[in-house]
């Protein structure tokens, strides 16, 4: 009975093939996280802008991306754009999708972290003659970053797990390779349990990195 639930031989024989998709899994997640953070910070600045149009655009973007399933947005890019005579490679669609989608969540994390910095810091910096940009760069952002580490880490972990959606557009990530093995071996239970363990270990490694970064920033 146990062998039907998890066949150790299938898991061992196909482990390295499944793991060969790690580059796509981490590549999409980490690259999108970097671009999502940059875009998220821009959105924060737009929401703090004195121009109403910029505030409206940023607010709409955050609301729309948080209220739309990532898979739907991915399909719009990969299957929808060809109807407009725009065809993008699967990898480009994946990076665009996760970068844009994650920026909405990251912007909220950064916004709340910056709001958590005492207003006295702004006043003190301005009294020293620092410009708005210098105040952000040298005073507010470093403090906000320390506050934002835990929630940003949660966003990153969600992106690592959520990157499994790229299998829906046939990118050979961990999950797509697992689907191939499951079909070939006629045993999806074993490979999906194996994939769950692999994702868990990856997330454990990044959790350790988060704890190290928190201790480093606290010094």
Protein backbone atom coordinates (compact mmCIF):
# COMPACT_ATOMS: atom_id res chain seq x y z
CA UNK A 1 0.00 0.00 0.00
CA UNK A 2 2.81 2.39 0.93
CA UNK A 3 4.57 1.63 -2.36
CA UNK A 4 1.46 2.78 -4.26
CA UNK A 5 1.47 6.09 -2.41
CA UNK A 6 5.19 6.75 -2.73
CA UNK A 7 7.37 4.54 -4.91
CA UNK A 8 10.92 5.16 -3.72
CA UNK A 9 12.43 3.66 -6.88
CA UNK A 10 10.53 6.04 -9.16
CA UNK A 11 11.50 8.96 -6.92
CA UNK A 12 15.22 8.05 -6.96
CA UNK A 13 15.39 7.24 -10.67
CA UNK A 14 13.72 10.49 -11.70
CA UNK A 15 14.98 12.83 -9.00
CA UNK A 16 17.70 14.50 -11.06
CA UNK A 17 15.48 14.93 -14.09
CA UNK A 18 12.85 16.68 -11.98
CA UNK A 19 15.49 18.77 -10.24
CA UNK A 20 16.91 19.85 -13.61
CA UNK A 21 14.03 22.31 -13.75
CA UNK A 22 15.39 24.13 -10.69
CA UNK A 23 17.06 26.76 -12.88
CA UNK A 24 13.72 27.83 -14.34
CA UNK A 25 11.97 27.67 -10.96
CA UNK A 26 14.50 29.86 -9.18
CA UNK A 27 15.35 31.93 -12.25
CA UNK A 28 11.77 33.05 -12.79
CA UNK A 29 11.12 33.63 -9.08
CA UNK A 30 14.32 35.52 -8.24
CA UNK A 31 14.48 37.61 -11.42
CA UNK A 32 10.82 38.54 -11.10
CA UNK A 33 11.34 39.40 -7.43
CA UNK A 34 14.13 41.84 -8.31
CA UNK A 35 12.13 43.56 -11.04
CA UNK A 36 8.99 43.40 -8.91
CA UNK A 37 10.82 45.16 -6.07
CA UNK A 38 12.04 47.92 -8.38
CA UNK A 39 8.56 48.41 -9.83
CA UNK A 40 7.02 48.15 -6.37
CA UNK A 41 9.24 50.95 -5.08
CA UNK A 42 8.28 53.09 -8.07
CA UNK A 43 4.62 52.44 -7.26
CA UNK A 44 5.20 53.60 -3.68
CA UNK A 45 6.71 56.85 -4.95
CA UNK A 46 3.80 57.26 -7.35
CA UNK A 47 1.29 56.82 -4.53
CA UNK A 48 3.18 59.46 -2.53
CA UNK A 49 3.27 61.84 -5.49
CA UNK A 50 1.48 65.17 -5.42
CA UNK A 51 0.13 64.39 -8.89
CA UNK A 52 -3.31 62.81 -8.68
CA UNK A 53 -2.94 60.93 -11.98
CA UNK A 54 0.16 59.09 -10.77
CA UNK A 55 -1.56 58.22 -7.49
CA UNK A 56 -4.60 56.92 -9.38
CA UNK A 57 -2.50 54.79 -11.76
CA UNK A 58 -0.53 53.23 -8.89
CA UNK A 59 -3.66 52.57 -6.83
CA UNK A 60 -5.42 50.98 -9.80
CA UNK A 61 -2.42 48.78 -10.59
CA UNK A 62 -2.15 47.50 -7.03
CA UNK A 63 -5.89 46.86 -6.77
CA UNK A 64 -6.12 45.11 -10.15
CA UNK A 65 -3.08 42.86 -9.70
CA UNK A 66 -4.04 41.89 -6.16
CA UNK A 67 -7.56 41.07 -7.30
CA UNK A 68 -6.63 39.08 -10.40
CA UNK A 69 -5.39 35.44 -10.36
CA UNK A 70 -1.79 35.25 -11.51
CA UNK A 71 -2.64 32.32 -13.77
CA UNK A 72 -5.21 34.42 -15.61
CA UNK A 73 -2.66 37.19 -16.18
CA UNK A 74 -0.11 34.62 -17.36
CA UNK A 75 -2.60 33.22 -19.87
CA UNK A 76 -3.48 36.73 -21.06
CA UNK A 77 0.18 37.33 -21.88
CA UNK A 78 0.91 33.94 -23.44
CA UNK A 79 -2.36 33.03 -25.14
CA UNK A 80 -4.09 36.43 -25.37
CA UNK A 81 -1.41 38.66 -26.90
CA UNK A 82 -1.11 36.53 -30.08
CA UNK A 83 -4.65 37.69 -30.95
CA UNK A 84 -3.15 41.19 -31.08
CA UNK A 85 -0.34 39.90 -33.30
CA UNK A 86 2.10 40.04 -30.38
CA UNK A 87 3.86 36.76 -29.62
CA UNK A 88 6.30 36.57 -26.73
CA UNK A 89 8.47 33.60 -25.69
CA UNK A 90 7.14 31.62 -22.73
CA UNK A 91 10.02 32.70 -20.50
CA UNK A 92 9.43 36.39 -21.26
CA UNK A 93 5.72 35.97 -20.48
CA UNK A 94 6.56 34.29 -17.18
CA UNK A 95 9.01 37.02 -16.15
CA UNK A 96 6.61 39.80 -17.13
CA UNK A 97 3.72 38.13 -15.35
CA UNK A 98 5.46 37.50 -12.04
CA UNK A 99 7.32 40.82 -12.05
CA UNK A 100 4.17 42.86 -12.62
CA UNK A 101 2.00 40.75 -10.30
CA UNK A 102 4.50 40.72 -7.45
CA UNK A 103 5.07 44.48 -7.70
CA UNK A 104 1.57 45.07 -6.32
CA UNK A 105 2.23 43.03 -3.18
CA UNK A 106 5.78 44.33 -2.76
CA UNK A 107 4.62 47.93 -3.07
CA UNK A 108 2.20 47.41 -0.19
CA UNK A 109 4.98 45.89 1.91
CA UNK A 110 7.33 48.78 1.15
CA UNK A 111 4.62 51.38 1.68
CA UNK A 112 3.71 50.03 5.12
CA UNK A 113 7.41 49.71 6.05
CA UNK A 114 8.08 53.34 5.07
CA UNK A 115 4.99 54.49 6.96
CA UNK A 116 6.32 52.65 10.01
CA UNK A 117 9.41 54.88 10.10
CA UNK A 118 8.83 57.66 12.61
CA UNK A 119 7.83 60.98 11.07
CA UNK A 120 10.49 62.60 13.20
CA UNK A 121 13.07 61.02 10.91
CA UNK A 122 11.68 63.01 7.97
CA UNK A 123 11.68 66.23 10.00
CA UNK A 124 15.21 65.67 11.31
CA UNK A 125 16.55 64.96 7.82
CA UNK A 126 14.86 68.01 6.34
CA UNK A 127 16.17 70.20 9.16
CA UNK A 128 19.69 69.07 8.23
CA UNK A 129 19.13 70.34 4.71
CA UNK A 130 18.70 66.97 3.01
CA UNK A 131 16.55 66.91 -0.11
CA UNK A 132 13.56 64.58 -0.49
CA UNK A 133 15.63 62.14 -2.52
CA UNK A 134 18.52 62.21 -0.05
CA UNK A 135 16.14 61.70 2.86
CA UNK A 136 14.65 58.65 1.17
CA UNK A 137 17.99 57.22 0.14
CA UNK A 138 19.99 57.80 3.32
CA UNK A 139 17.42 57.83 6.11
CA UNK A 140 14.03 56.33 5.31
CA UNK A 141 14.75 53.44 2.92
CA UNK A 142 17.50 51.79 5.06
CA UNK A 143 15.20 51.77 8.10
CA UNK A 144 12.19 50.67 6.07
CA UNK A 145 14.17 47.83 4.50
CA UNK A 146 14.91 46.31 7.92
CA UNK A 147 11.20 46.43 8.74
CA UNK A 148 10.26 44.95 5.36
CA UNK A 149 12.57 41.91 5.43
CA UNK A 150 10.07 39.39 6.92
CA UNK A 151 7.09 40.31 4.69
CA UNK A 152 9.32 40.57 1.61
CA UNK A 153 10.64 37.09 2.38
CA UNK A 154 7.07 35.82 2.48
CA UNK A 155 6.45 37.35 -0.95
CA UNK A 156 9.59 35.67 -2.29
CA UNK A 157 8.58 32.26 -0.90
CA UNK A 158 5.14 32.64 -2.44
CA UNK A 159 6.78 33.47 -5.77
CA UNK A 160 9.03 30.39 -5.60
CA UNK A 161 6.00 28.18 -5.01
CA UNK A 162 3.82 30.14 -7.42
CA UNK A 163 6.40 29.81 -10.19
CA UNK A 164 5.05 26.28 -10.66
CA UNK A 165 2.35 27.98 -12.75
CA UNK A 166 4.87 28.35 -15.59
CA UNK A 167 4.32 24.64 -16.23
CA UNK A 168 0.97 25.71 -17.70
CA UNK A 169 2.83 27.35 -20.58
CA UNK A 170 5.27 24.43 -20.89
CA UNK A 171 8.38 25.96 -19.34
CA UNK A 172 10.53 23.02 -18.12
CA UNK A 173 10.57 23.93 -14.43
CA UNK A 174 10.43 21.44 -11.56
CA UNK A 175 6.67 21.01 -11.75
CA UNK A 176 6.59 20.58 -15.54
CA UNK A 177 9.29 17.90 -15.32
CA UNK A 178 7.30 16.19 -12.59
CA UNK A 179 4.23 16.14 -14.82
CA UNK A 180 6.28 14.47 -17.55
CA UNK A 181 7.56 11.82 -15.15
CA UNK A 182 4.11 11.26 -13.66
CA UNK A 183 2.64 10.61 -17.09
CA UNK A 184 5.49 8.36 -18.16
CA UNK A 185 5.50 6.30 -14.97
CA UNK A 186 1.71 6.42 -14.50
CA UNK A 187 2.32 7.45 -10.90
CA UNK A 188 1.51 11.09 -10.21
CA UNK A 189 1.22 10.56 -6.45
CA UNK A 190 4.92 9.73 -6.06
CA UNK A 191 6.25 12.58 -8.18
CA UNK A 192 3.95 15.18 -6.65
CA UNK A 193 4.98 14.14 -3.14
CA UNK A 194 8.60 14.38 -4.28
CA UNK A 195 7.99 17.84 -5.76
CA UNK A 196 6.33 18.98 -2.53
CA UNK A 197 9.41 17.88 -0.58
CA UNK A 198 11.74 19.66 -3.03
CA UNK A 199 9.80 22.93 -2.76
CA UNK A 200 9.75 22.59 1.02
CA UNK A 201 13.54 22.18 1.18
CA UNK A 202 14.07 25.16 -1.14
CA UNK A 203 11.85 27.31 1.07
CA UNK A 204 13.66 26.12 4.21
CA UNK A 205 16.96 27.28 2.69
CA UNK A 206 15.54 30.70 1.90
CA UNK A 207 14.02 30.93 5.39
CA UNK A 208 17.50 30.43 6.84
CA UNK A 209 18.74 33.21 4.57
CA UNK A 210 15.97 35.46 5.86
CA UNK A 211 16.93 34.81 9.49
CA UNK A 212 20.59 35.50 8.73
CA UNK A 213 19.71 38.76 6.98
CA UNK A 214 17.50 39.85 9.87
CA UNK A 215 20.33 39.27 12.36
CA UNK A 216 22.82 41.02 10.08
CA UNK A 217 20.60 44.07 9.68
CA UNK A 218 19.89 44.21 13.42
CA UNK A 219 23.58 44.73 14.24
